Amino acid sequence: MKEILETIVLNIVENKNNVEVLEKIEETAIVYEVKVEKEDMGKIIGKQGKVAQAIRTLIKSIGAKEKKKIVVKFVE
């Protein structure tokens, strides 16, 4: 799932060398922290957060298939 998230993000941002996806396995969920450059944050979030929400929905649906709770956070 981490690879899928990385692929999606890399296809959106311009600064591909500065993208990092961290996976943290917690008791109740798997948390993915997506770090991108400040200039790319607007592209990842999109107008009214629609791109970020679409990414979260896609990753959560994959997690639901595997019966796992997924949280995706976007940080600079």
C-alpha atoms as a PDB file:
ATOM      1  CA  MET A   1       0.000   0.000   0.000  1.00  0.00           C
ATOM      2  CA  LYS A   2       2.898   2.348   0.717  1.00  0.00           C
ATOM      3  CA  GLU A   3       4.140   1.842  -2.846  1.00  0.00           C
ATOM      4  CA  ILE A   4       0.734   2.730  -4.278  1.00  0.00           C
ATOM      5  CA  LEU A   5       0.607   5.921  -2.210  1.00  0.00           C
ATOM      6  CA  GLU A   6       4.148   6.873  -3.291  1.00  0.00           C
ATOM      7  CA  THR A   7       3.264   6.305  -6.956  1.00  0.00           C
ATOM      8  CA  ILE A   8       0.177   8.517  -6.712  1.00  0.00           C
ATOM      9  CA  VAL A   9       2.055  11.333  -4.968  1.00  0.00           C
ATOM     10  CA  LEU A  10       5.053  11.166  -7.312  1.00  0.00           C
ATOM     11  CA  ASN A  11       2.750  11.617 -10.297  1.00  0.00           C
ATOM     12  CA  ILE A  12       1.274  14.800  -8.803  1.00  0.00           C
ATOM     13  CA  VAL A  13       4.293  16.708  -7.459  1.00  0.00           C
ATOM     14  CA  GLU A  14       7.064  18.488  -9.350  1.00  0.00           C
ATOM     15  CA  ASN A  15       9.882  17.949  -6.813  1.00  0.00           C
ATOM     16  CA  LYS A  16       9.953  14.154  -7.026  1.00  0.00           C
ATOM     17  CA  ASN A  17      13.289  13.849  -5.198  1.00  0.00           C
ATOM     18  CA  ASN A  18      11.873  15.360  -2.015  1.00  0.00           C
ATOM     19  CA  VAL A  19       8.899  13.037  -1.521  1.00  0.00           C
ATOM     20  CA  GLU A  20       8.911  10.743   1.483  1.00  0.00           C
ATOM     21  CA  VAL A  21       6.202   8.362   2.679  1.00  0.00           C
ATOM     22  CA  LEU A  22       6.570   7.079   6.239  1.00  0.00           C
ATOM     23  CA  GLU A  23       4.549   4.137   7.500  1.00  0.00           C
ATOM     24  CA  LYS A  24       3.726   3.882  11.206  1.00  0.00           C
ATOM     25  CA  ILE A  25       1.890   0.828  12.451  1.00  0.00           C
ATOM     26  CA  GLU A  26      -0.145   1.702  15.515  1.00  0.00           C
ATOM     27  CA  GLU A  27      -2.546  -0.334  17.650  1.00  0.00           C
ATOM     28  CA  THR A  28      -5.709   0.748  15.891  1.00  0.00           C
ATOM     29  CA  ALA A  29      -4.496   1.882  12.459  1.00  0.00           C
ATOM     30  CA  ILE A  30      -1.710   2.181   9.937  1.00  0.00           C
ATOM     31  CA  VAL A  31      -0.668   5.824   9.578  1.00  0.00           C
ATOM     32  CA  TYR A  32       1.046   7.096   6.440  1.00  0.00           C
ATOM     33  CA  GLU A  33       2.801  10.459   6.631  1.00  0.00           C
ATOM     34  CA  VAL A  34       3.430  11.960   3.219  1.00  0.00           C
ATOM     35  CA  LYS A  35       6.158  14.617   3.233  1.00  0.00           C
ATOM     36  CA  VAL A  36       6.445  16.909   0.226  1.00  0.00           C
ATOM     37  CA  GLU A  37       8.033  20.279  -0.516  1.00  0.00           C
ATOM     38  CA  LYS A  38       6.118  23.380   0.512  1.00  0.00           C
ATOM     39  CA  GLU A  39       5.661  24.318  -3.164  1.00  0.00           C
ATOM     40  CA  ASP A  40       3.976  20.969  -3.885  1.00  0.00           C
ATOM     41  CA  MET A  41       1.633  20.996  -0.903  1.00  0.00           C
ATOM     42  CA  GLY A  42      -1.001  22.964  -2.829  1.00  0.00           C
ATOM     43  CA  LYS A  43      -1.010  20.382  -5.602  1.00  0.00           C
ATOM     44  CA  ILE A  44      -1.378  17.511  -3.143  1.00  0.00           C
ATOM     45  CA  ILE A  45      -4.219  19.201  -1.263  1.00  0.00           C
ATOM     46  CA  GLY A  46      -5.969  20.579  -4.361  1.00  0.00           C
ATOM     47  CA  LYS A  47      -8.886  22.991  -4.497  1.00  0.00           C
ATOM     48  CA  GLN A  48     -10.934  22.701  -1.307  1.00  0.00           C
ATOM     49  CA  GLY A  49      -8.895  19.612  -0.384  1.00  0.00           C
ATOM     50  CA  LYS A  50     -10.379  17.481  -3.146  1.00  0.00           C
ATOM     51  CA  VAL A  51      -7.118  15.878  -4.288  1.00  0.00           C
ATOM     52  CA  ALA A  52      -6.092  14.999  -0.736  1.00  0.00           C
ATOM     53  CA  GLN A  53      -9.556  13.597  -0.036  1.00  0.00           C
ATOM     54  CA  ALA A  54      -9.459  11.513  -3.221  1.00  0.00           C
ATOM     55  CA  ILE A  55      -6.059  10.068  -2.249  1.00  0.00           C
ATOM     56  CA  ARG A  56      -7.329   9.260   1.257  1.00  0.00           C
ATOM     57  CA  THR A  57     -10.495   7.640  -0.105  1.00  0.00           C
ATOM     58  CA  LEU A  58      -8.530   5.451  -2.497  1.00  0.00           C
ATOM     59  CA  ILE A  59      -6.010   4.303   0.114  1.00  0.00           C
ATOM     60  CA  LYS A  60      -8.731   3.737   2.735  1.00  0.00           C
ATOM     61  CA  SER A  61     -10.723   1.610   0.297  1.00  0.00           C
ATOM     62  CA  ILE A  62      -7.676  -0.561  -0.350  1.00  0.00           C
ATOM     63  CA  GLY A  63      -7.201  -0.847   3.418  1.00  0.00           C
ATOM     64  CA  ALA A  64     -10.857  -1.762   3.916  1.00  0.00           C
ATOM     65  CA  LYS A  65     -10.430  -4.662   1.517  1.00  0.00           C
ATOM     66  CA  GLU A  66      -7.638  -5.927   3.789  1.00  0.00           C
ATOM     67  CA  LYS A  67      -9.691  -5.073   6.916  1.00  0.00           C
ATOM     68  CA  LYS A  68      -7.212  -2.428   8.092  1.00  0.00           C
ATOM     69  CA  LYS A  69      -7.858   1.137   9.211  1.00  0.00           C
ATOM     70  CA  ILE A  70      -5.689   3.581   7.281  1.00  0.00           C
ATOM     71  CA  VAL A  71      -4.880   7.221   8.054  1.00  0.00           C
ATOM     72  CA  VAL A  72      -3.076   9.433   5.527  1.00  0.00           C
ATOM     73  CA  LYS A  73      -1.468  12.676   6.726  1.00  0.00           C
ATOM     74  CA  PHE A  74       0.181  15.268   4.504  1.00  0.00           C
ATOM     75  CA  VAL A  75       3.061  17.253   6.034  1.00  0.00           C
ATOM     76  CA  GLU A  76       5.662  19.712   4.739  1.00  0.00           C
END
